[in-house]
Amino acid sequence: MSEVEERSRFERMKVEVVSGGTQAEEPPAEADRTTKIVGIASWIGLFAVLAFVSPWILVFVVGLAVSIILHELGHFWTARKSGMKATQFFLGFGPRVWSTHRNGVEYGLRAIPLGGFVKIIGMTNLDEVPENDEAVTYRQASYPRRMWVITAGSVMHMIIAVILITLIYSAWGRVEETGEVTLARIVPESPADQAGFEPDDVVLSVDGTSVETSDEFRALLAEAQPGTEHTFVVRRGSEELTLTATLVQHPDVDDKVQGFLGVGSTSIDRVETSFGEAVTSGTRDLATGVGQAVTGVAKVINPVNVWGHLIGTNDDPTSRPGTIVGAAKISDDFGEYDGWAGILTLLAMVNVSVGVFNMFPLLPLDGGHAAIATYERIRYGRSRKRLADVGKLMPVAAMCVMLLAFMFLTGLYLDTLGS
């Protein structure tokens, strides 16, 4: 490859990093036969493998794909409504697998199933467009319209999360304290096992003291000494029983004297809510989740924290980078434990996290473009002829890309080979 060709490729790559999509002036009408076969096989193979491994993982990944499409649809719809010209709408990255042209827009599928994109022309001063299209570029739109378009993807994630959480709370209820302590498991040959406790027993009182939460139940047991006898009133079905158990020394505790009954308890379950309560409590819970996501993302994008996870000196799960591999593993657990409610809850959580992460002021994230638009508004006022020289930001953008790549590769390692 000649020096001129290498420079041309580098310049095109720079624009793609900050503008998204492809900069090819005349994209091929359709993919070649080999790319089609390989690309379609990769998509079909992905979903076939997921279905074989776990139906819950398949449901989660399909839900994630739908979320990605809706994210891009948010950008696409607002761009068209704002008078901007969008030329591409793709699911996936890399070589084309299939595409079709309608009303000047190329819709299609690409070979690598790791996201999607919408190409809006003239995102920055680096993006070359025909002179007669300049009026319909992103960069020539007013500040409010640019902010509407660039934030639409993250807003769509929040809308998805609100709809999902409202559906979950309406159909299955909200996870909260039930006012009853239910035994989830009984340790074999433990005092509880010998006393006749069974899973799903509801503990009503301990030595005459009523209990309504697992914390209260555990607090009473924590004060009990080995060798002491205690009376428990439990409800089993519609029947109330009185059981007596003598505690023993906790088998996992060596440094102090601690009584052991041998049960696992919970007082949290899904509590039925009305639609109105689902809307209000769901929105409130998501607002809390957004705050937690902002804090979490700030921790995760700190390279010191990421490096600590990589070398094993950081065990804080809130600062650990994750990937779709890790999320897929978790989705199986959510599905097995809580069924559809669990999977949809996880999808809502992921949508909130992605929506927040996407708005951090880093190129090539949407938040980076929002930051540039805000700078241009402050620096140049309402003038649309003065644009920030994004070329000067390329070193910063390159560092951001390297940071994101470092996070992704570390997360992939931890999700596949790490503990």
Protein backbone atom coordinates (compact mmCIF):
# COMPACT_ATOMS: atom_id res chain seq x y z
CA MET A 1 0.00 0.00 0.00
CA SER A 2 1.40 3.41 -0.95
CA GLU A 3 1.98 6.25 1.51
CA VAL A 4 -0.86 8.20 -0.09
CA GLU A 5 -3.27 5.28 0.32
CA GLU A 6 -2.21 4.76 3.94
CA ARG A 7 -2.75 8.44 4.68
CA SER A 8 -6.15 8.36 3.00
CA ARG A 9 -7.17 5.34 5.07
CA PHE A 10 -5.94 7.03 8.25
CA GLU A 11 -7.86 10.22 7.49
CA ARG A 12 -11.02 8.23 6.76
CA MET A 13 -10.61 6.29 10.00
CA LYS A 14 -10.27 9.54 11.94
CA VAL A 15 -13.57 10.78 10.58
CA GLU A 16 -15.28 7.47 11.29
CA VAL A 17 -14.08 7.53 14.91
CA VAL A 18 -15.72 10.88 15.63
CA SER A 19 -18.62 10.79 13.15
CA GLY A 20 -19.71 7.16 13.08
CA GLY A 21 -20.80 5.08 10.11
CA THR A 22 -18.86 4.72 6.91
CA GLN A 23 -17.19 7.43 4.86
CA ALA A 24 -17.24 5.47 1.60
CA GLU A 25 -18.64 7.79 -1.07
CA GLU A 26 -20.16 5.04 -3.16
CA PRO A 27 -21.01 2.02 -1.01
CA PRO A 28 -21.55 -1.24 -2.89
CA ALA A 29 -25.12 -2.05 -3.77
CA GLU A 30 -24.85 -5.37 -1.95
CA ALA A 31 -22.33 -7.57 -0.19
CA ASP A 32 -20.31 -10.12 -2.10
CA ARG A 33 -21.44 -13.74 -1.87
CA THR A 34 -18.73 -14.89 0.56
CA THR A 35 -19.34 -12.02 2.97
CA LYS A 36 -23.07 -12.70 2.81
CA ILE A 37 -22.66 -16.37 3.66
CA VAL A 38 -20.16 -15.79 6.47
CA GLY A 39 -22.11 -12.85 7.90
CA ILE A 40 -25.48 -14.59 7.90
CA ALA A 41 -23.87 -17.72 9.34
CA SER A 42 -22.35 -15.68 12.17
CA TRP A 43 -25.71 -14.19 13.11
CA ILE A 44 -27.61 -17.48 12.86
CA GLY A 45 -24.79 -19.31 14.64
CA LEU A 46 -24.79 -16.79 17.48
CA PHE A 47 -28.49 -17.21 18.21
CA ALA A 48 -28.34 -20.99 17.73
CA VAL A 49 -25.51 -21.32 20.25
CA LEU A 50 -27.29 -19.06 22.73
CA ALA A 51 -30.51 -21.06 22.41
CA PHE A 52 -28.54 -24.28 23.02
CA VAL A 53 -26.68 -22.88 26.04
CA SER A 54 -29.70 -21.25 27.69
CA PRO A 55 -33.07 -19.98 26.45
CA TRP A 56 -32.80 -17.16 29.01
CA ILE A 57 -29.53 -15.96 27.52
CA LEU A 58 -31.15 -16.00 24.08
CA VAL A 59 -34.07 -13.91 25.37
CA PHE A 60 -31.66 -11.44 26.96
CA VAL A 61 -29.52 -11.04 23.82
CA VAL A 62 -32.60 -10.60 21.62
CA GLY A 63 -33.84 -7.96 24.06
CA LEU A 64 -30.45 -6.27 23.89
CA ALA A 65 -30.56 -6.28 20.07
CA VAL A 66 -34.02 -4.69 20.16
CA SER A 67 -32.68 -2.05 22.58
CA ILE A 68 -29.83 -1.26 20.18
CA ILE A 69 -32.25 -0.90 17.26
CA LEU A 70 -34.47 1.42 19.31
CA HIS A 71 -31.42 3.45 20.37
CA GLU A 72 -30.47 4.02 16.74
CA LEU A 73 -34.10 4.61 15.83
CA GLY A 74 -34.11 7.46 18.36
CA HIS A 75 -31.20 9.12 16.56
CA PHE A 76 -32.68 8.40 13.12
CA TRP A 77 -36.20 9.64 13.85
CA THR A 78 -35.10 12.85 15.59
CA ALA A 79 -32.56 13.56 12.83
CA ARG A 80 -35.20 13.24 10.13
CA LYS A 81 -37.65 15.38 12.15
CA SER A 82 -34.92 18.00 12.59
CA GLY A 83 -34.28 18.24 8.86
CA MET A 84 -30.95 16.41 8.93
CA LYS A 85 -29.94 13.88 6.31
CA ALA A 86 -29.39 10.34 7.56
CA THR A 87 -27.91 8.01 4.96
CA GLN A 88 -27.41 4.70 6.80
CA PHE A 89 -29.16 2.60 9.46
CA PHE A 90 -27.30 -0.62 10.29
CA LEU A 91 -27.38 -3.34 12.92
CA GLY A 92 -23.88 -4.66 13.53
CA PHE A 93 -20.46 -3.47 12.41
CA GLY A 94 -17.91 -4.47 9.80
CA PRO A 95 -18.66 -5.69 6.26
CA ARG A 96 -22.19 -5.54 4.88
CA VAL A 97 -24.17 -8.77 4.95
CA TRP A 98 -27.38 -7.39 3.51
CA SER A 99 -28.73 -3.94 2.74
CA THR A 100 -31.52 -2.19 0.91
CA HIS A 101 -31.99 1.45 -0.17
CA ARG A 102 -35.23 3.33 0.48
CA ASN A 103 -35.78 7.06 0.13
CA GLY A 104 -32.06 7.78 0.13
CA VAL A 105 -31.32 5.68 3.23
CA GLU A 106 -29.41 2.41 3.28
CA TYR A 107 -30.84 -0.05 5.80
CA GLY A 108 -29.03 -3.27 6.53
CA LEU A 109 -27.13 -5.84 8.53
CA ARG A 110 -23.39 -6.09 9.05
CA ALA A 111 -21.26 -9.08 9.88
CA ILE A 112 -20.14 -8.35 13.46
CA PRO A 113 -23.07 -8.49 15.94
CA LEU A 114 -21.70 -5.99 18.46
CA GLY A 115 -23.98 -2.96 18.14
CA GLY A 116 -25.35 -0.72 15.43
CA PHE A 117 -25.18 2.79 14.03
CA VAL A 118 -27.00 5.53 12.14
CA LYS A 119 -24.98 7.72 9.78
CA ILE A 120 -26.01 11.38 9.93
CA ILE A 121 -24.01 13.49 7.49
CA GLY A 122 -21.84 16.37 8.64
CA MET A 123 -21.45 15.42 12.28
CA THR A 124 -18.25 17.48 12.63
CA ASN A 125 -16.04 19.81 10.58
CA LEU A 126 -14.02 16.74 9.47
CA ASP A 127 -16.97 15.11 7.72
CA GLU A 128 -16.89 15.97 4.01
CA VAL A 129 -20.28 16.32 2.35
CA PRO A 130 -21.46 17.68 -1.03
CA GLU A 131 -21.99 21.43 -0.96
CA ASN A 132 -25.68 21.12 -1.78
CA ASP A 133 -26.15 18.87 1.32
CA GLU A 134 -24.50 21.28 3.77
CA ALA A 135 -27.84 22.75 4.85
CA VAL A 136 -29.09 19.34 6.02
CA THR A 137 -25.99 18.36 8.02
CA TYR A 138 -25.95 17.83 11.75
CA ARG A 139 -23.36 20.57 12.23
CA GLN A 140 -25.57 23.22 10.60
CA ALA A 141 -28.59 22.50 12.79
CA SER A 142 -29.44 24.70 15.76
CA TYR A 143 -28.04 23.81 19.17
CA PRO A 144 -31.40 22.58 20.57
CA ARG A 145 -31.91 20.32 17.55
CA ARG A 146 -28.41 18.90 17.75
CA MET A 147 -28.86 18.16 21.45
CA TRP A 148 -32.26 16.59 20.75
CA VAL A 149 -30.73 14.28 18.15
CA ILE A 150 -27.55 13.34 20.00
CA THR A 151 -29.30 12.60 23.31
CA ALA A 152 -32.14 10.67 21.66
CA GLY A 153 -30.32 7.34 21.92
CA SER A 154 -29.83 7.59 25.68
CA VAL A 155 -33.35 8.97 26.15
CA MET A 156 -34.64 5.93 24.27
CA HIS A 157 -32.80 3.65 26.71
CA MET A 158 -34.53 5.42 29.61
CA ILE A 159 -37.92 5.10 27.92
CA ILE A 160 -37.29 1.38 27.40
CA ALA A 161 -36.33 1.02 31.07
CA VAL A 162 -39.45 2.87 32.28
CA ILE A 163 -41.71 0.70 30.10
CA LEU A 164 -40.01 -2.51 31.23
CA ILE A 165 -40.05 -1.70 34.93
CA THR A 166 -43.70 -0.57 34.78
CA LEU A 167 -44.61 -3.84 33.02
CA ILE A 168 -42.69 -5.88 35.60
CA TYR A 169 -44.23 -4.16 38.60
CA SER A 170 -47.74 -4.37 37.10
CA ALA A 171 -47.51 -8.03 36.08
CA TRP A 172 -45.29 -9.58 38.76
CA GLY A 173 -45.00 -7.00 41.50
CA ARG A 174 -42.20 -4.97 43.08
CA VAL A 175 -39.41 -6.63 45.06
CA GLU A 176 -39.74 -5.42 48.66
CA GLU A 177 -40.16 -6.55 52.25
CA THR A 178 -43.19 -8.81 52.60
CA GLY A 179 -43.49 -8.71 56.39
CA GLU A 180 -42.88 -12.47 56.58
CA VAL A 181 -39.67 -14.45 57.13
CA THR A 182 -39.61 -17.45 54.82
CA LEU A 183 -37.05 -20.23 55.07
CA ALA A 184 -35.34 -20.69 51.71
CA ARG A 185 -33.13 -23.64 52.68
CA ILE A 186 -32.36 -26.02 55.52
CA VAL A 187 -28.80 -27.22 56.11
CA PRO A 188 -28.77 -31.05 56.21
CA GLU A 189 -28.15 -32.54 59.69
CA SER A 190 -28.25 -29.11 61.29
CA PRO A 191 -30.28 -28.28 64.42
CA ALA A 192 -33.02 -26.90 62.16
CA ASP A 193 -33.09 -30.13 60.14
CA GLN A 194 -33.28 -32.23 63.30
CA ALA A 195 -36.02 -30.02 64.72
CA GLY A 196 -38.20 -30.58 61.65
CA PHE A 197 -37.92 -27.26 59.84
CA GLU A 198 -38.75 -27.40 56.13
CA PRO A 199 -38.13 -25.03 53.18
CA ASP A 200 -40.96 -22.49 52.70
CA ASP A 201 -41.82 -22.49 56.41
CA VAL A 202 -42.76 -18.97 57.56
CA VAL A 203 -41.18 -18.06 60.91
CA LEU A 204 -43.68 -16.11 63.01
CA SER A 205 -41.78 -15.80 66.30
CA VAL A 206 -38.63 -16.78 68.19
CA ASP A 207 -39.06 -17.42 71.92
CA GLY A 208 -42.25 -15.38 71.84
CA THR A 209 -40.71 -12.43 69.95
CA SER A 210 -42.40 -11.89 66.60
CA VAL A 211 -40.23 -11.39 63.53
CA GLU A 212 -41.18 -9.69 60.25
CA THR A 213 -37.84 -9.35 58.46
CA SER A 214 -34.82 -11.56 57.91
CA ASP A 215 -32.65 -8.96 59.63
CA GLU A 216 -34.73 -9.25 62.80
CA PHE A 217 -34.60 -13.05 62.61
CA ARG A 218 -30.83 -13.11 62.10
CA ALA A 219 -30.30 -10.57 64.88
CA LEU A 220 -32.13 -12.79 67.39
CA LEU A 221 -30.13 -15.84 66.32
CA ALA A 222 -26.85 -13.88 66.48
CA GLU A 223 -27.45 -13.23 70.18
CA ALA A 224 -28.09 -16.91 70.93
CA GLN A 225 -25.31 -19.10 72.32
CA PRO A 226 -24.43 -22.68 71.37
CA GLY A 227 -26.21 -25.24 73.57
CA THR A 228 -29.23 -23.03 74.22
CA GLU A 229 -32.72 -24.24 73.36
CA HIS A 230 -35.14 -22.00 71.49
CA THR A 231 -38.79 -22.19 70.55
CA PHE A 232 -39.96 -21.20 67.08
CA VAL A 233 -43.53 -20.74 65.87
CA VAL A 234 -43.80 -21.35 62.13
CA ARG A 235 -46.59 -21.43 59.58
CA ARG A 236 -46.57 -24.33 57.15
CA GLY A 237 -49.33 -23.95 54.61
CA SER A 238 -52.44 -23.12 56.68
CA GLU A 239 -51.11 -24.79 59.84
CA GLU A 240 -49.14 -23.23 62.71
CA LEU A 241 -46.44 -25.39 64.33
CA THR A 242 -44.21 -24.97 67.36
CA LEU A 243 -40.69 -26.33 66.88
CA THR A 244 -37.83 -26.52 69.38
CA ALA A 245 -34.15 -26.52 68.40
CA THR A 246 -30.89 -26.54 70.34
CA LEU A 247 -28.19 -24.46 68.70
CA VAL A 248 -24.63 -25.66 68.14
CA GLN A 249 -21.36 -23.80 67.52
CA HIS A 250 -21.27 -22.31 64.04
CA PRO A 251 -19.12 -24.69 61.94
CA ASP A 252 -17.59 -21.84 59.89
CA VAL A 253 -16.66 -19.57 62.81
CA ASP A 254 -13.46 -20.27 64.81
CA ASP A 255 -12.60 -16.95 66.43
CA LYS A 256 -15.69 -16.53 68.61
CA VAL A 257 -18.61 -18.36 70.17
CA GLN A 258 -21.63 -18.16 67.85
CA GLY A 259 -24.82 -20.17 67.76
CA PHE A 260 -25.93 -21.97 64.61
CA LEU A 261 -29.45 -23.03 63.62
CA GLY A 262 -28.80 -24.00 60.00
CA VAL A 263 -31.35 -22.13 57.90
CA GLY A 264 -31.32 -19.63 55.06
CA SER A 265 -34.09 -17.04 55.25
CA THR A 266 -35.56 -14.21 53.22
CA SER A 267 -38.29 -11.67 53.80
CA ILE A 268 -38.08 -10.10 50.34
CA ASP A 269 -40.34 -11.10 47.45
CA ARG A 270 -42.43 -9.55 44.71
CA VAL A 271 -45.41 -7.69 46.17
CA GLU A 272 -48.40 -7.02 43.91
CA THR A 273 -48.83 -3.37 42.90
CA SER A 274 -51.45 -1.46 40.93
CA PHE A 275 -50.63 0.12 37.58
CA GLY A 276 -50.51 3.58 39.13
CA GLU A 277 -48.15 2.39 41.86
CA ALA A 278 -46.07 0.61 39.24
CA VAL A 279 -45.62 3.85 37.28
CA THR A 280 -44.70 5.98 40.30
CA SER A 281 -42.53 3.46 42.17
CA GLY A 282 -40.92 2.25 38.94
CA THR A 283 -39.97 5.78 37.89
CA ARG A 284 -38.67 6.50 41.39
CA ASP A 285 -36.58 3.32 41.45
CA LEU A 286 -35.14 4.11 38.01
CA ALA A 287 -34.23 7.64 39.12
CA THR A 288 -32.27 6.05 41.96
CA GLY A 289 -30.76 3.63 39.45
CA VAL A 290 -29.60 6.50 37.23
CA GLY A 291 -27.73 8.06 40.16
CA GLN A 292 -26.11 4.74 40.97
CA ALA A 293 -25.22 4.24 37.30
CA VAL A 294 -23.50 7.64 37.11
CA THR A 295 -21.38 6.75 40.14
CA GLY A 296 -20.71 3.27 38.79
CA VAL A 297 -19.67 4.46 35.33
CA ALA A 298 -17.35 7.06 36.87
CA LYS A 299 -15.66 4.21 38.77
CA VAL A 300 -15.49 1.89 35.77
CA ILE A 301 -13.89 4.40 33.39
CA ASN A 302 -11.12 5.02 35.92
CA PRO A 303 -8.17 3.07 34.42
CA VAL A 304 -6.65 2.63 37.90
CA ASN A 305 -9.73 0.71 39.03
CA VAL A 306 -9.77 -1.36 35.83
CA TRP A 307 -6.07 -2.21 36.18
CA GLY A 308 -6.69 -3.24 39.77
CA HIS A 309 -9.29 -5.76 38.63
CA LEU A 310 -6.91 -7.05 35.97
CA ILE A 311 -4.04 -7.74 38.41
CA GLY A 312 -6.28 -8.85 41.26
CA THR A 313 -5.82 -5.96 43.72
CA ASN A 314 -9.35 -4.56 43.29
CA ASP A 315 -12.34 -6.67 44.32
CA ASP A 316 -14.97 -3.91 44.26
CA PRO A 317 -17.74 -5.26 41.98
CA THR A 318 -19.12 -1.74 41.39
CA SER A 319 -15.93 -0.68 39.57
CA ARG A 320 -15.52 -3.83 37.50
CA PRO A 321 -15.92 -3.41 33.72
CA GLY A 322 -18.37 -5.80 32.11
CA THR A 323 -19.27 -7.02 28.64
CA ILE A 324 -22.19 -8.74 27.00
CA VAL A 325 -20.53 -12.06 27.89
CA GLY A 326 -20.76 -11.34 31.61
CA ALA A 327 -24.25 -9.90 31.27
CA ALA A 328 -25.34 -13.04 29.39
CA LYS A 329 -24.01 -15.24 32.19
CA ILE A 330 -25.90 -13.20 34.75
CA SER A 331 -29.05 -13.31 32.62
CA ASP A 332 -29.18 -17.09 32.96
CA ASP A 333 -29.14 -16.73 36.75
CA PHE A 334 -31.80 -14.01 36.65
CA GLY A 335 -34.01 -16.13 34.43
CA GLU A 336 -33.61 -19.30 36.47
CA TYR A 337 -34.32 -17.46 39.72
CA ASP A 338 -37.06 -15.01 38.71
CA GLY A 339 -38.23 -16.03 35.23
CA TRP A 340 -39.44 -13.35 32.84
CA ALA A 341 -39.55 -10.76 35.60
CA GLY A 342 -35.85 -11.35 36.27
CA ILE A 343 -34.80 -11.13 32.62
CA LEU A 344 -36.81 -7.97 31.99
CA THR A 345 -35.42 -6.42 35.18
CA LEU A 346 -31.88 -7.12 33.99
CA LEU A 347 -32.69 -5.58 30.59
CA ALA A 348 -34.05 -2.48 32.33
CA MET A 349 -30.87 -2.21 34.42
CA VAL A 350 -28.64 -2.63 31.36
CA ASN A 351 -30.60 0.03 29.45
CA VAL A 352 -30.14 2.50 32.30
CA SER A 353 -26.41 1.78 32.51
CA VAL A 354 -25.87 2.02 28.75
CA GLY A 355 -27.93 5.21 28.55
CA VAL A 356 -25.85 6.85 31.29
CA PHE A 357 -22.51 5.59 29.97
CA ASN A 358 -23.31 6.79 26.45
CA MET A 359 -23.72 10.38 27.66
CA PHE A 360 -20.31 10.69 29.31
CA PRO A 361 -18.39 13.46 27.48
CA LEU A 362 -15.97 11.18 25.65
CA LEU A 363 -15.57 10.80 21.89
CA PRO A 364 -16.82 8.77 20.09
CA LEU A 365 -19.71 8.45 22.59
CA ASP A 366 -22.83 10.57 22.08
CA GLY A 367 -21.86 12.55 25.16
CA GLY A 368 -18.70 13.65 23.37
CA HIS A 369 -20.74 15.12 20.52
CA ALA A 370 -23.05 16.79 23.04
CA ALA A 371 -20.01 18.34 24.72
CA ILE A 372 -18.72 19.66 21.37
CA ALA A 373 -22.11 21.14 20.50
CA THR A 374 -22.27 22.82 23.91
CA TYR A 375 -18.75 24.22 23.50
CA GLU A 376 -19.63 25.61 20.07
CA ARG A 377 -22.78 27.25 21.47
CA ILE A 378 -20.82 28.87 24.33
CA ARG A 379 -17.84 29.82 22.17
CA TYR A 380 -19.61 31.02 18.99
CA GLY A 381 -23.17 31.73 20.13
CA ARG A 382 -25.87 31.07 17.52
CA SER A 383 -23.48 31.20 14.56
CA ARG A 384 -23.54 28.03 12.48
CA LYS A 385 -20.54 29.00 10.41
CA ARG A 386 -18.08 28.70 13.28
CA LEU A 387 -17.34 25.09 14.17
CA ALA A 388 -14.92 23.59 16.64
CA ASP A 389 -11.89 22.02 14.96
CA VAL A 390 -12.48 18.41 15.95
CA GLY A 391 -9.17 17.48 14.32
CA LYS A 392 -7.44 19.03 17.32
CA LEU A 393 -9.37 16.66 19.55
CA MET A 394 -8.12 13.57 17.77
CA PRO A 395 -5.37 12.84 20.33
CA VAL A 396 -8.01 13.02 23.08
CA ALA A 397 -10.42 10.91 21.02
CA ALA A 398 -7.65 8.35 20.43
CA MET A 399 -7.01 8.17 24.17
CA CYS A 400 -10.74 7.70 24.79
CA VAL A 401 -10.88 4.91 22.22
CA MET A 402 -7.88 3.22 23.83
CA LEU A 403 -9.51 3.56 27.27
CA LEU A 404 -12.76 2.04 25.99
CA ALA A 405 -10.81 -0.76 24.30
CA PHE A 406 -8.85 -1.38 27.52
CA MET A 407 -12.11 -1.52 29.50
CA PHE A 408 -13.70 -3.86 26.97
CA LEU A 409 -10.75 -6.26 26.77
CA THR A 410 -10.34 -6.29 30.56
CA GLY A 411 -14.05 -6.90 31.01
CA LEU A 412 -13.98 -9.68 28.41
CA TYR A 413 -11.04 -11.32 30.18
CA LEU A 414 -12.74 -11.11 33.57
CA ASP A 415 -16.04 -12.39 32.15
CA THR A 416 -14.45 -15.38 30.40
CA LEU A 417 -11.22 -16.34 32.16
CA GLY A 418 -11.27 -14.34 35.39
CA SER A 419 -12.93 -15.32 38.63
